[in-house]
PDB file of N, CA and C in Angstrom:
ATOM      1  N   MET A   1       5.165  34.509 124.939  1.00  0.00           N
ATOM      2  CA  MET A   1       4.523  33.362 125.562  1.00  0.00           C
ATOM      3  C   MET A   1       4.937  33.337 127.035  1.00  0.00           C
ATOM      4  N   SER A   2       3.981  33.069 127.892  1.00  0.00           N
ATOM      5  CA  SER A   2       4.245  33.086 129.325  1.00  0.00           C
ATOM      6  C   SER A   2       5.072  31.874 129.736  1.00  0.00           C
ATOM      7  N   THR A   3       5.758  32.025 130.842  1.00  0.00           N
ATOM      8  CA  THR A   3       6.547  30.926 131.391  1.00  0.00           C
ATOM      9  C   THR A   3       5.649  29.742 131.729  1.00  0.00           C
ATOM     10  N   GLN A   4       4.458  30.016 132.258  1.00  0.00           N
ATOM     11  CA  GLN A   4       3.529  28.937 132.602  1.00  0.00           C
ATOM     12  C   GLN A   4       3.154  28.147 131.352  1.00  0.00           C
ATOM     13  N   LYS A   5       2.813  28.832 130.283  1.00  0.00           N
ATOM     14  CA  LYS A   5       2.435  28.160 129.039  1.00  0.00           C
ATOM     15  C   LYS A   5       3.613  27.379 128.464  1.00  0.00           C
ATOM     16  N   GLN A   6       4.801  27.947 128.534  1.00  0.00           N
ATOM     17  CA  GLN A   6       5.988  27.251 128.052  1.00  0.00           C
ATOM     18  C   GLN A   6       6.244  25.982 128.860  1.00  0.00           C
ATOM     19  N   THR A   7       6.072  26.068 130.161  1.00  0.00           N
ATOM     20  CA  THR A   7       6.272  24.908 131.029  1.00  0.00           C
ATOM     21  C   THR A   7       5.260  23.821 130.703  1.00  0.00           C
ATOM     22  N   ILE A   8       4.006  24.198 130.556  1.00  0.00           N
ATOM     23  CA  ILE A   8       2.951  23.230 130.238  1.00  0.00           C
ATOM     24  C   ILE A   8       3.216  22.572 128.880  1.00  0.00           C
ATOM     25  N   GLU A   9       3.596  23.359 127.893  1.00  0.00           N
ATOM     26  CA  GLU A   9       3.871  22.799 126.576  1.00  0.00           C
ATOM     27  C   GLU A   9       5.092  21.882 126.604  1.00  0.00           C
ATOM     28  N   ALA A  10       6.099  22.240 127.386  1.00  0.00           N
ATOM     29  CA  ALA A  10       7.287  21.394 127.503  1.00  0.00           C
ATOM     30  C   ALA A  10       6.943  20.056 128.159  1.00  0.00           C
ATOM     31  N   ILE A  11       6.102  20.094 129.185  1.00  0.00           N
ATOM     32  CA  ILE A  11       5.674  18.863 129.853  1.00  0.00           C
ATOM     33  C   ILE A  11       4.867  18.005 128.889  1.00  0.00           C
ATOM     34  N   ALA A  12       3.971  18.604 128.133  1.00  0.00           N
ATOM     35  CA  ALA A  12       3.162  17.860 127.161  1.00  0.00           C
ATOM     36  C   ALA A  12       4.052  17.209 126.102  1.00  0.00           C
ATOM     37  N   ALA A  13       5.036  17.934 125.642  1.00  0.00           N
ATOM     38  CA  ALA A  13       5.936  17.401 124.617  1.00  0.00           C
ATOM     39  C   ALA A  13       6.798  16.272 125.166  1.00  0.00           C
ATOM     40  N   GLN A  14       7.354  16.484 126.346  1.00  0.00           N
ATOM     41  CA  GLN A  14       8.283  15.509 126.919  1.00  0.00           C
ATOM     42  C   GLN A  14       7.591  14.242 127.402  1.00  0.00           C
ATOM     43  N   HIS A  15       6.498  14.389 128.125  1.00  0.00           N
ATOM     44  CA  HIS A  15       5.874  13.232 128.771  1.00  0.00           C
ATOM     45  C   HIS A  15       4.725  12.622 127.984  1.00  0.00           C
ATOM     46  N   LEU A  16       4.049  13.434 127.191  1.00  0.00           N
ATOM     47  CA  LEU A  16       2.865  12.942 126.475  1.00  0.00           C
ATOM     48  C   LEU A  16       3.094  12.819 124.974  1.00  0.00           C
ATOM     49  N   ARG A  17       4.245  13.279 124.498  1.00  0.00           N
ATOM     50  CA  ARG A  17       4.561  13.252 123.069  1.00  0.00           C
ATOM     51  C   ARG A  17       3.510  13.990 122.244  1.00  0.00           C
ATOM     52  N   VAL A  18       3.029  15.114 122.801  1.00  0.00           N
ATOM     53  CA  VAL A  18       2.063  15.973 122.117  1.00  0.00           C
ATOM     54  C   VAL A  18       2.842  17.197 121.622  1.00  0.00           C
ATOM     55  N   ALA A  19       2.914  17.367 120.315  1.00  0.00           N
ATOM     56  CA  ALA A  19       3.737  18.422 119.722  1.00  0.00           C
ATOM     57  C   ALA A  19       3.213  19.822 120.018  1.00  0.00           C
ATOM     58  N   THR A  20       1.902  19.984 120.042  1.00  0.00           N
ATOM     59  CA  THR A  20       1.316  21.296 120.301  1.00  0.00           C
ATOM     60  C   THR A  20       0.013  21.124 121.074  1.00  0.00           C
ATOM     61  N   LEU A  21      -0.297  22.091 121.894  1.00  0.00           N
ATOM     62  CA  LEU A  21      -1.564  22.084 122.622  1.00  0.00           C
ATOM     63  C   LEU A  21      -2.606  22.963 121.926  1.00  0.00           C
ATOM     64  N   ALA A  22      -2.219  23.551 120.805  1.00  0.00           N
ATOM     65  CA  ALA A  22      -3.153  24.366 120.027  1.00  0.00           C
ATOM     66  C   ALA A  22      -4.119  23.449 119.290  1.00  0.00           C
ATOM     67  N   CYS A  23      -5.355  23.895 119.174  1.00  0.00           N
ATOM     68  CA  CYS A  23      -6.374  23.144 118.440  1.00  0.00           C
ATOM     69  C   CYS A  23      -5.991  23.085 116.971  1.00  0.00           C
ATOM     70  N   GLN A  24      -5.944  21.876 116.420  1.00  0.00           N
ATOM     71  CA  GLN A  24      -5.582  21.689 115.021  1.00  0.00           C
ATOM     72  C   GLN A  24      -6.809  21.493 114.124  1.00  0.00           C
ATOM     73  N   LYS A  25      -7.979  21.370 114.753  1.00  0.00           N
ATOM     74  CA  LYS A  25      -9.252  21.181 114.044  1.00  0.00           C
ATOM     75  C   LYS A  25      -9.273  19.904 113.199  1.00  0.00           C
ATOM     76  N   ARG A  26      -8.548  18.900 113.684  1.00  0.00           N
ATOM     77  CA  ARG A  26      -8.559  17.570 113.064  1.00  0.00           C
ATOM     78  C   ARG A  26      -8.471  16.551 114.185  1.00  0.00           C
ATOM     79  N   ASP A  27      -9.406  15.627 114.215  1.00  0.00           N
ATOM     80  CA  ASP A  27      -9.440  14.632 115.284  1.00  0.00           C
ATOM     81  C   ASP A  27      -8.123  13.884 115.414  1.00  0.00           C
ATOM     82  N   SER A  28      -7.513  13.543 114.300  1.00  0.00           N
ATOM     83  CA  SER A  28      -6.268  12.773 114.347  1.00  0.00           C
ATOM     84  C   SER A  28      -5.129  13.558 114.989  1.00  0.00           C
ATOM     85  N   LEU A  29      -5.237  14.882 115.008  1.00  0.00           N
ATOM     86  CA  LEU A  29      -4.211  15.719 115.621  1.00  0.00           C
ATOM     87  C   LEU A  29      -4.602  16.218 117.009  1.00  0.00           C
ATOM     88  N   ASP A  30      -5.882  16.300 117.286  1.00  0.00           N
ATOM     89  CA  ASP A  30      -6.358  16.867 118.550  1.00  0.00           C
ATOM     90  C   ASP A  30      -6.622  15.836 119.640  1.00  0.00           C
ATOM     91  N   PHE A  31      -6.768  14.572 119.277  1.00  0.00           N
ATOM     92  CA  PHE A  31      -7.032  13.522 120.263  1.00  0.00           C
ATOM     93  C   PHE A  31      -5.871  12.543 120.262  1.00  0.00           C
ATOM     94  N   HIS A  32      -5.435  12.161 121.464  1.00  0.00           N
ATOM     95  CA  HIS A  32      -4.261  11.303 121.603  1.00  0.00           C
ATOM     96  C   HIS A  32      -4.573  10.134 122.529  1.00  0.00           C
ATOM     97  N   GLU A  33      -4.061   8.972 122.190  1.00  0.00           N
ATOM     98  CA  GLU A  33      -4.168   7.810 123.056  1.00  0.00           C
ATOM     99  C   GLU A  33      -2.898   7.762 123.894  1.00  0.00           C
ATOM    100  N   LEU A  34      -3.066   7.770 125.220  1.00  0.00           N
ATOM    101  CA  LEU A  34      -1.921   7.864 126.120  1.00  0.00           C
ATOM    102  C   LEU A  34      -1.947   6.761 127.163  1.00  0.00           C
ATOM    103  N   ALA A  35      -0.778   6.283 127.507  1.00  0.00           N
ATOM    104  CA  ALA A  35      -0.656   5.312 128.586  1.00  0.00           C
ATOM    105  C   ALA A  35      -0.803   6.036 129.926  1.00  0.00           C
ATOM    106  N   VAL A  36      -1.367   5.350 130.899  1.00  0.00           N
ATOM    107  CA  VAL A  36      -1.583   5.985 132.204  1.00  0.00           C
ATOM    108  C   VAL A  36      -0.267   6.412 132.842  1.00  0.00           C
ATOM    109  N   TRP A  37       0.818   5.680 132.619  1.00  0.00           N
ATOM    110  CA  TRP A  37       2.093   6.065 133.218  1.00  0.00           C
ATOM    111  C   TRP A  37       2.631   7.347 132.589  1.00  0.00           C
ATOM    112  N   SER A  38       2.289   7.625 131.333  1.00  0.00           N
ATOM    113  CA  SER A  38       2.678   8.890 130.715  1.00  0.00           C
ATOM    114  C   SER A  38       1.904  10.052 131.332  1.00  0.00           C
ATOM    115  N   ILE A  39       0.628   9.816 131.580  1.00  0.00           N
ATOM    116  CA  ILE A  39      -0.195  10.846 132.214  1.00  0.00           C
ATOM    117  C   ILE A  39       0.304  11.101 133.624  1.00  0.00           C
ATOM    118  N   GLU A  40       0.620  10.034 134.353  1.00  0.00           N
ATOM    119  CA  GLU A  40       1.146  10.187 135.713  1.00  0.00           C
ATOM    120  C   GLU A  40       2.456  10.976 135.705  1.00  0.00           C
ATOM    121  N   ALA A  41       3.343  10.679 134.774  1.00  0.00           N
ATOM    122  CA  ALA A  41       4.618  11.394 134.682  1.00  0.00           C
ATOM    123  C   ALA A  41       4.388  12.879 134.387  1.00  0.00           C
ATOM    124  N   ALA A  42       3.453  13.178 133.505  1.00  0.00           N
ATOM    125  CA  ALA A  42       3.155  14.576 133.183  1.00  0.00           C
ATOM    126  C   ALA A  42       2.573  15.310 134.388  1.00  0.00           C
ATOM    127  N   LEU A  43       1.681  14.658 135.120  1.00  0.00           N
ATOM    128  CA  LEU A  43       1.093  15.284 136.310  1.00  0.00           C
ATOM    129  C   LEU A  43       2.152  15.507 137.381  1.00  0.00           C
ATOM    130  N   ASN A  44       3.043  14.540 137.566  1.00  0.00           N
ATOM    131  CA  ASN A  44       4.131  14.712 138.533  1.00  0.00           C
ATOM    132  C   ASN A  44       5.050  15.853 138.135  1.00  0.00           C
ATOM    133  N   ALA A  45       5.359  15.965 136.850  1.00  0.00           N
ATOM    134  CA  ALA A  45       6.204  17.060 136.368  1.00  0.00           C
ATOM    135  C   ALA A  45       5.534  18.412 136.596  1.00  0.00           C
ATOM    136  N   ALA A  46       4.230  18.482 136.358  1.00  0.00           N
ATOM    137  CA  ALA A  46       3.496  19.729 136.581  1.00  0.00           C
ATOM    138  C   ALA A  46       3.469  20.087 138.067  1.00  0.00           C
ATOM    139  N   PHE A  47       3.297  19.086 138.917  1.00  0.00           N
ATOM    140  CA  PHE A  47       3.296  19.316 140.356  1.00  0.00           C
ATOM    141  C   PHE A  47       4.657  19.852 140.807  1.00  0.00           C
ATOM    142  N   GLU A  48       5.721  19.228 140.335  1.00  0.00           N
ATOM    143  CA  GLU A  48       7.074  19.672 140.699  1.00  0.00           C
ATOM    144  C   GLU A  48       7.353  21.085 140.184  1.00  0.00           C
ATOM    145  N   ALA A  49       6.893  21.393 138.987  1.00  0.00           N
ATOM    146  CA  ALA A  49       7.076  22.745 138.441  1.00  0.00           C
ATOM    147  C   ALA A  49       6.347  23.767 139.309  1.00  0.00           C
ATOM    148  N   GLY A  50       5.163  23.423 139.780  1.00  0.00           N
ATOM    149  CA  GLY A  50       4.416  24.310 140.664  1.00  0.00           C
ATOM    150  C   GLY A  50       5.122  24.522 141.997  1.00  0.00           C
ATOM    151  N   LYS A  51       5.686  23.453 142.546  1.00  0.00           N
ATOM    152  CA  LYS A  51       6.443  23.569 143.800  1.00  0.00           C
ATOM    153  C   LYS A  51       7.650  24.472 143.616  1.00  0.00           C
ATOM    154  N   GLN A  52       8.366  24.305 142.510  1.00  0.00           N
ATOM    155  CA  GLN A  52       9.540  25.137 142.250  1.00  0.00           C
ATOM    156  C   GLN A  52       9.147  26.598 142.093  1.00  0.00           C
ATOM    157  N   LEU A  53       8.047  26.859 141.427  1.00  0.00           N
ATOM    158  CA  LEU A  53       7.577  28.236 141.254  1.00  0.00           C
ATOM    159  C   LEU A  53       7.209  28.853 142.596  1.00  0.00           C
ATOM    160  N   ALA A  54       6.541  28.090 143.439  1.00  0.00           N
ATOM    161  CA  ALA A  54       6.156  28.587 144.761  1.00  0.00           C
ATOM    162  C   ALA A  54       7.400  28.914 145.590  1.00  0.00           C
ATOM    163  N   CYS A  55       8.389  28.062 145.526  1.00  0.00           N
ATOM    164  CA  CYS A  55       9.623  28.294 146.286  1.00  0.00           C
ATOM    165  C   CYS A  55      10.360  29.529 145.777  1.00  0.00           C
ATOM    166  N   SER A  56      10.429  29.667 144.457  1.00  0.00           N
ATOM    167  CA  SER A  56      11.183  30.793 143.894  1.00  0.00           C
ATOM    168  C   SER A  56      10.460  32.124 144.052  1.00  0.00           C
ATOM    169  N   SER A  57       9.136  32.086 144.235  1.00  0.00           N
ATOM    170  CA  SER A  57       8.397  33.332 144.367  1.00  0.00           C
ATOM    171  C   SER A  57       8.201  33.743 145.822  1.00  0.00           C
ATOM    172  N   GLY A  58       8.716  32.928 146.742  1.00  0.00           N
ATOM    173  CA  GLY A  58       8.610  33.249 148.154  1.00  0.00           C
ATOM    174  C   GLY A  58       7.256  32.975 148.756  1.00  0.00           C
ATOM    175  N   LYS A  59       6.431  32.167 148.095  1.00  0.00           N
ATOM    176  CA  LYS A  59       5.087  31.857 148.608  1.00  0.00           C
ATOM    177  C   LYS A  59       5.091  30.610 149.459  1.00  0.00           C
ATOM    178  N   GLY A  60       6.251  30.132 149.809  1.00  0.00           N
ATOM    179  CA  GLY A  60       6.338  28.950 150.656  1.00  0.00           C
ATOM    180  C   GLY A  60       6.785  27.740 149.865  1.00  0.00           C
ATOM    181  N   CYS A  61       7.469  26.862 150.542  1.00  0.00           N
ATOM    182  CA  CYS A  61       7.966  25.650 149.913  1.00  0.00           C
ATOM    183  C   CYS A  61       7.357  24.424 150.561  1.00  0.00           C
ATOM    184  N   ALA A  62       6.812  23.571 149.736  1.00  0.00           N
ATOM    185  CA  ALA A  62       6.348  22.261 150.216  1.00  0.00           C
ATOM    186  C   ALA A  62       7.496  21.293 150.061  1.00  0.00           C
ATOM    187  N   LYS A  63       7.772  20.560 151.095  1.00  0.00           N
ATOM    188  CA  LYS A  63       8.900  19.627 151.030  1.00  0.00           C
ATOM    189  C   LYS A  63       8.454  18.211 150.969  1.00  0.00           C
TER     190      LYS A  63
END
């Protein structure tokens, strides 16, 4: 599994309480009701992960 996929799944689990991003073929497992602050936290975490990746790969750092 790629680092990107692992990071995305970790963010989904931590901030959105989504156990898996794989299709389960059941509405009760594939659709989730989420608070906007949880979505905001997940987006912020993804943004920060992208910044860290850019810095570590030498593609420039946004401060």
